C-alpha atoms as a PDB file:
ATOM      1  CA  MET A   1      -3.879   9.821  38.111  1.00  0.00           C
ATOM      2  CA  ARG A   2      -2.370   8.872  34.769  1.00  0.00           C
ATOM      3  CA  VAL A   3      -5.633   9.695  33.047  1.00  0.00           C
ATOM      4  CA  LYS A   4      -5.230  13.454  33.501  1.00  0.00           C
ATOM      5  CA  PRO A   5      -1.858  13.796  31.608  1.00  0.00           C
ATOM      6  CA  LEU A   6      -3.126  11.459  28.873  1.00  0.00           C
ATOM      7  CA  PHE A   7      -6.318  13.520  28.558  1.00  0.00           C
ATOM      8  CA  LEU A   8      -4.298  16.767  28.334  1.00  0.00           C
ATOM      9  CA  ALA A   9      -2.056  15.276  25.640  1.00  0.00           C
ATOM     10  CA  MET A  10      -5.101  14.237  23.571  1.00  0.00           C
ATOM     11  CA  ILE A  11      -6.677  17.687  23.886  1.00  0.00           C
ATOM     12  CA  THR A  12      -3.395  19.345  22.841  1.00  0.00           C
ATOM     13  CA  CYS A  13      -3.143  17.135  19.746  1.00  0.00           C
ATOM     14  CA  CYS A  14      -6.724  17.948  18.735  1.00  0.00           C
ATOM     15  CA  VAL A  15      -6.156  21.682  19.139  1.00  0.00           C
ATOM     16  CA  LEU A  16      -2.928  21.557  17.085  1.00  0.00           C
ATOM     17  CA  GLN A  17      -4.598  19.553  14.310  1.00  0.00           C
ATOM     18  CA  THR A  18      -7.497  21.996  14.167  1.00  0.00           C
ATOM     19  CA  ALA A  19      -5.119  24.964  13.985  1.00  0.00           C
ATOM     20  CA  ALA A  20      -3.125  23.307  11.209  1.00  0.00           C
ATOM     21  CA  ALA A  21      -6.288  22.498   9.249  1.00  0.00           C
ATOM     22  CA  GLU A  22      -7.506  26.109   9.444  1.00  0.00           C
ATOM     23  CA  ASP A  23      -4.231  27.379   7.950  1.00  0.00           C
ATOM     24  CA  SER A  24      -4.288  25.048   4.949  1.00  0.00           C
ATOM     25  CA  ARG A  25      -4.308  27.734   2.249  1.00  0.00           C
ATOM     26  CA  PRO A  26      -3.208  26.633  -1.196  1.00  0.00           C
ATOM     27  CA  VAL A  27       0.542  26.750  -1.586  1.00  0.00           C
ATOM     28  CA  VAL A  28       0.336  27.710  -5.277  1.00  0.00           C
ATOM     29  CA  ALA A  29      -1.258  30.955  -6.457  1.00  0.00           C
ATOM     30  CA  HIS A  30      -3.164  31.052  -9.729  1.00  0.00           C
ATOM     31  CA  LYS A  31      -3.045  33.815 -12.306  1.00  0.00           C
ATOM     32  CA  ALA A  32      -4.635  34.564 -15.638  1.00  0.00           C
ATOM     33  CA  ILE A  33      -2.441  34.117 -18.715  1.00  0.00           C
ATOM     34  CA  LEU A  34      -2.567  35.404 -22.261  1.00  0.00           C
ATOM     35  CA  THR A  35      -3.294  32.432 -24.502  1.00  0.00           C
ATOM     36  CA  LEU A  36      -2.052  32.034 -28.059  1.00  0.00           C
ATOM     37  CA  ASP A  37      -5.687  32.048 -29.207  1.00  0.00           C
ATOM     38  CA  ASN A  38      -6.329  35.441 -27.605  1.00  0.00           C
ATOM     39  CA  ALA A  39      -3.013  36.781 -28.922  1.00  0.00           C
ATOM     40  CA  GLN A  40      -4.090  35.724 -32.416  1.00  0.00           C
ATOM     41  CA  ARG A  41      -7.437  37.489 -31.942  1.00  0.00           C
ATOM     42  CA  LEU A  42      -5.639  40.659 -30.854  1.00  0.00           C
ATOM     43  CA  LEU A  43      -3.332  40.477 -33.863  1.00  0.00           C
ATOM     44  CA  ARG A  44      -6.247  40.035 -36.268  1.00  0.00           C
ATOM     45  CA  ALA A  45      -8.176  42.907 -34.671  1.00  0.00           C
ATOM     46  CA  ALA A  46      -5.127  45.203 -34.873  1.00  0.00           C
ATOM     47  CA  GLN A  47      -4.520  44.281 -38.508  1.00  0.00           C
ATOM     48  CA  GLN A  48      -8.189  44.820 -39.406  1.00  0.00           C
ATOM     49  CA  THR A  49      -8.145  48.279 -37.820  1.00  0.00           C
ATOM     50  CA  ALA A  50      -4.871  49.179 -39.520  1.00  0.00           C
ATOM     51  CA  GLN A  51      -6.145  47.916 -42.880  1.00  0.00           C
ATOM     52  CA  ALA A  52      -9.429  49.832 -42.567  1.00  0.00           C
ATOM     53  CA  LYS A  53      -7.587  53.069 -41.721  1.00  0.00           C
ATOM     54  CA  GLY A  54      -4.862  52.586 -44.344  1.00  0.00           C
ATOM     55  CA  TRP A  55      -2.066  52.399 -41.747  1.00  0.00           C
ATOM     56  CA  PRO A  56      -0.077  49.195 -42.376  1.00  0.00           C
ATOM     57  CA  CYS A  57       1.968  48.345 -39.310  1.00  0.00           C
ATOM     58  CA  ALA A  58       3.956  45.862 -37.283  1.00  0.00           C
ATOM     59  CA  VAL A  59       2.216  44.338 -34.253  1.00  0.00           C
ATOM     60  CA  ALA A  60       3.751  42.453 -31.334  1.00  0.00           C
ATOM     61  CA  ILE A  61       1.986  40.712 -28.469  1.00  0.00           C
ATOM     62  CA  VAL A  62       3.936  39.688 -25.370  1.00  0.00           C
ATOM     63  CA  ASP A  63       3.149  37.950 -22.080  1.00  0.00           C
ATOM     64  CA  ASP A  64       3.336  39.570 -18.636  1.00  0.00           C
ATOM     65  CA  GLY A  65       7.116  39.076 -18.545  1.00  0.00           C
ATOM     66  CA  GLY A  66       7.582  40.847 -21.869  1.00  0.00           C
ATOM     67  CA  TRP A  67       8.353  37.632 -23.755  1.00  0.00           C
ATOM     68  CA  PRO A  68       7.015  37.425 -27.327  1.00  0.00           C
ATOM     69  CA  ILE A  69       3.926  35.374 -28.035  1.00  0.00           C
ATOM     70  CA  LEU A  70       3.133  36.620 -31.522  1.00  0.00           C
ATOM     71  CA  GLY A  71       4.244  39.248 -33.989  1.00  0.00           C
ATOM     72  CA  ALA A  72       3.635  40.220 -37.600  1.00  0.00           C
ATOM     73  CA  ARG A  73       4.455  42.951 -40.080  1.00  0.00           C
ATOM     74  CA  MET A  74       1.812  43.882 -42.594  1.00  0.00           C
ATOM     75  CA  ASP A  75       2.703  44.374 -46.245  1.00  0.00           C
ATOM     76  CA  GLY A  76       3.611  47.991 -46.833  1.00  0.00           C
ATOM     77  CA  ALA A  77       4.465  48.787 -43.199  1.00  0.00           C
ATOM     78  CA  PRO A  78       6.427  52.058 -43.531  1.00  0.00           C
ATOM     79  CA  VAL A  79       8.990  51.583 -40.752  1.00  0.00           C
ATOM     80  CA  VAL A  80      11.606  48.919 -41.489  1.00  0.00           C
ATOM     81  CA  ALA A  81      12.494  48.631 -37.792  1.00  0.00           C
ATOM     82  CA  GLY A  82       8.787  48.428 -36.890  1.00  0.00           C
ATOM     83  CA  VAL A  83       8.947  44.778 -35.857  1.00  0.00           C
ATOM     84  CA  GLU A  84      11.596  45.506 -33.223  1.00  0.00           C
ATOM     85  CA  LEU A  85       9.918  48.744 -32.158  1.00  0.00           C
ATOM     86  CA  ALA A  86       6.517  47.074 -31.715  1.00  0.00           C
ATOM     87  CA  GLN A  87       8.040  44.265 -29.656  1.00  0.00           C
ATOM     88  CA  GLY A  88      10.084  46.688 -27.558  1.00  0.00           C
ATOM     89  CA  LYS A  89       7.064  48.887 -26.896  1.00  0.00           C
ATOM     90  CA  ALA A  90       4.974  45.853 -25.908  1.00  0.00           C
ATOM     91  CA  ARG A  91       7.713  44.540 -23.601  1.00  0.00           C
ATOM     92  CA  THR A  92       8.046  47.939 -21.936  1.00  0.00           C
ATOM     93  CA  SER A  93       4.284  48.177 -21.417  1.00  0.00           C
ATOM     94  CA  ALA A  94       4.061  44.683 -19.929  1.00  0.00           C
ATOM     95  CA  LEU A  95       6.992  45.142 -17.562  1.00  0.00           C
ATOM     96  CA  PHE A  96       5.894  48.565 -16.329  1.00  0.00           C
ATOM     97  CA  LYS A  97       2.189  47.577 -16.360  1.00  0.00           C
ATOM     98  CA  ARG A  98       1.180  50.792 -18.105  1.00  0.00           C
ATOM     99  CA  PRO A  99       0.976  52.268 -21.606  1.00  0.00           C
ATOM    100  CA  SER A 100       4.424  52.820 -23.086  1.00  0.00           C
ATOM    101  CA  GLY A 101       3.429  56.420 -23.810  1.00  0.00           C
ATOM    102  CA  ASP A 102       3.393  57.107 -20.050  1.00  0.00           C
ATOM    103  CA  LEU A 103       7.115  56.374 -19.955  1.00  0.00           C
ATOM    104  CA  GLU A 104       7.769  58.516 -23.012  1.00  0.00           C
ATOM    105  CA  ASN A 105       6.005  61.342 -21.190  1.00  0.00           C
ATOM    106  CA  ALA A 106       8.202  60.771 -18.125  1.00  0.00           C
ATOM    107  CA  VAL A 107      11.366  61.027 -20.215  1.00  0.00           C
ATOM    108  CA  ASN A 108      10.071  64.147 -21.959  1.00  0.00           C
ATOM    109  CA  GLY A 109       9.096  65.558 -18.567  1.00  0.00           C
ATOM    110  CA  GLY A 110      12.640  65.490 -17.216  1.00  0.00           C
ATOM    111  CA  ARG A 111      13.339  61.846 -16.288  1.00  0.00           C
ATOM    112  CA  PRO A 112      16.135  61.018 -18.775  1.00  0.00           C
ATOM    113  CA  ALA A 113      17.560  58.370 -16.422  1.00  0.00           C
ATOM    114  CA  ALA A 114      14.798  56.059 -17.655  1.00  0.00           C
ATOM    115  CA  LEU A 115      16.528  55.933 -21.047  1.00  0.00           C
ATOM    116  CA  SER A 116      19.321  53.801 -19.617  1.00  0.00           C
ATOM    117  CA  ALA A 117      16.929  50.938 -18.861  1.00  0.00           C
ATOM    118  CA  GLY A 118      17.206  49.462 -22.374  1.00  0.00           C
ATOM    119  CA  LEU A 119      13.474  49.672 -23.028  1.00  0.00           C
ATOM    120  CA  VAL A 120      11.475  51.322 -25.817  1.00  0.00           C
ATOM    121  CA  MET A 121       9.748  54.274 -24.215  1.00  0.00           C
ATOM    122  CA  MET A 122       7.643  55.386 -27.148  1.00  0.00           C
ATOM    123  CA  LYS A 123       3.906  55.708 -27.504  1.00  0.00           C
ATOM    124  CA  GLY A 124       2.229  52.731 -29.146  1.00  0.00           C
ATOM    125  CA  ALA A 125       1.800  49.919 -26.602  1.00  0.00           C
ATOM    126  CA  GLN A 126      -0.984  49.125 -24.175  1.00  0.00           C
ATOM    127  CA  PRO A 127      -1.118  46.596 -21.336  1.00  0.00           C
ATOM    128  CA  ILE A 128      -3.616  43.735 -21.568  1.00  0.00           C
ATOM    129  CA  ILE A 129      -5.504  43.675 -18.273  1.00  0.00           C
ATOM    130  CA  VAL A 130      -7.774  40.879 -17.035  1.00  0.00           C
ATOM    131  CA  ASP A 131      -9.410  41.066 -13.612  1.00  0.00           C
ATOM    132  CA  GLY A 132      -7.058  43.867 -12.609  1.00  0.00           C
ATOM    133  CA  GLN A 133      -3.911  41.899 -13.563  1.00  0.00           C
ATOM    134  CA  VAL A 134      -1.607  42.732 -16.451  1.00  0.00           C
ATOM    135  CA  ILE A 135      -1.288  39.509 -18.444  1.00  0.00           C
ATOM    136  CA  GLY A 136       0.643  40.952 -21.382  1.00  0.00           C
ATOM    137  CA  ALA A 137       0.778  43.866 -23.779  1.00  0.00           C
ATOM    138  CA  ILE A 138       0.241  44.763 -27.415  1.00  0.00           C
ATOM    139  CA  GLY A 139       2.728  46.993 -29.213  1.00  0.00           C
ATOM    140  CA  VAL A 140       2.198  48.655 -32.586  1.00  0.00           C
ATOM    141  CA  SER A 141       4.503  50.495 -34.974  1.00  0.00           C
ATOM    142  CA  ALA A 142       2.689  52.154 -37.885  1.00  0.00           C
ATOM    143  CA  ASP A 143       3.337  55.661 -39.195  1.00  0.00           C
ATOM    144  CA  THR A 144       2.608  57.933 -36.197  1.00  0.00           C
ATOM    145  CA  PRO A 145       2.471  57.460 -32.417  1.00  0.00           C
ATOM    146  CA  ALA A 146      -1.203  58.471 -32.385  1.00  0.00           C
ATOM    147  CA  HIS A 147      -2.030  55.809 -34.998  1.00  0.00           C
ATOM    148  CA  ASP A 148       0.009  53.222 -33.065  1.00  0.00           C
ATOM    149  CA  ASP A 149      -2.049  53.826 -29.926  1.00  0.00           C
ATOM    150  CA  GLU A 150      -5.341  53.929 -31.826  1.00  0.00           C
ATOM    151  CA  ILE A 151      -4.666  50.534 -33.400  1.00  0.00           C
ATOM    152  CA  ALA A 152      -3.615  48.976 -30.060  1.00  0.00           C
ATOM    153  CA  LEU A 153      -6.652  50.375 -28.224  1.00  0.00           C
ATOM    154  CA  ALA A 154      -9.024  49.220 -30.983  1.00  0.00           C
ATOM    155  CA  ALA A 155      -7.595  45.676 -30.787  1.00  0.00           C
ATOM    156  CA  LEU A 156      -8.054  45.625 -27.005  1.00  0.00           C
ATOM    157  CA  ALA A 157     -11.628  46.892 -27.341  1.00  0.00           C
ATOM    158  CA  THR A 158     -12.419  44.137 -29.853  1.00  0.00           C
ATOM    159  CA  LEU A 159     -11.010  41.448 -27.554  1.00  0.00           C
ATOM    160  CA  SER A 160     -12.960  42.894 -24.632  1.00  0.00           C
ATOM    161  CA  ARG A 161     -16.230  42.812 -26.623  1.00  0.00           C
ATOM    162  CA  GLN A 162     -15.555  39.208 -27.683  1.00  0.00           C
ATOM    163  CA  ALA A 163     -14.808  38.166 -24.088  1.00  0.00           C
ATOM    164  CA  THR A 164     -18.000  39.834 -22.839  1.00  0.00           C
ATOM    165  CA  ALA A 165     -20.065  38.119 -25.539  1.00  0.00           C
ATOM    166  CA  THR A 166     -18.480  34.740 -24.688  1.00  0.00           C
ATOM    167  CA  MET A 167     -19.201  35.234 -20.984  1.00  0.00           C
ATOM    168  CA  LEU A 168     -22.832  36.133 -21.731  1.00  0.00           C
ATOM    169  CA  VAL A 169     -23.281  33.067 -23.957  1.00  0.00           C
ATOM    170  CA  SER A 170     -21.663  30.815 -21.323  1.00  0.00           C
ATOM    171  CA  ARG A 171     -23.827  32.272 -18.567  1.00  0.00           C
ATOM    172  CA  THR A 172     -26.999  31.846 -20.657  1.00  0.00           C
ATOM    173  CA  ILE A 173     -26.128  28.236 -21.489  1.00  0.00           C
ATOM    174  CA  SER A 174     -25.367  27.391 -17.856  1.00  0.00           C
ATOM    175  CA  GLU A 175     -28.673  28.996 -16.765  1.00  0.00           C
ATOM    176  CA  GLN A 176     -30.567  26.874 -19.306  1.00  0.00           C
ATOM    177  CA  THR A 177     -28.830  23.631 -18.370  1.00  0.00           C
ATOM    178  CA  PRO A 178     -30.878  21.697 -15.813  1.00  0.00           C
ATOM    179  CA  GLU A 179     -28.940  20.701 -12.746  1.00  0.00           C
ATOM    180  CA  ALA A 180     -28.551  16.999 -12.122  1.00  0.00           C
END
């Protein structure tokens, strides 16, 4: 008669262990980050575009929390406060996960309460998006808002083309490598 309770206890333990094993999801989530190397590539691409167009500027690149990774002011940049403006625009874009110009439009469209947030709600910053996640932003301060956005978008397009080319090269190499 003692066998039956012992058998039930063993079955219960097995069921509980199986249930616990099925719910063993990783405790830590992983996310993409903006590396210094990619920030440097973005900065170079922005500066090359600005140089080619004759629009010297200040450029700031921040992480997803709006913290600075890299910034530079080109010789001849026309706005003395451009370094702070570029960083503020980039921070705003990263934190709101949208172009800073969207927030400028909101303020101009009757949402002046947004001005009290202490952010720079001016056109000229774009979020950096990887796999649907905002991993940072690039902010630019040149001579006009349209030029600021054009430089930022051109830098992002250059980084995107480089990433696609790298992925294609990696895929081709892995396809050519014989499996062990």
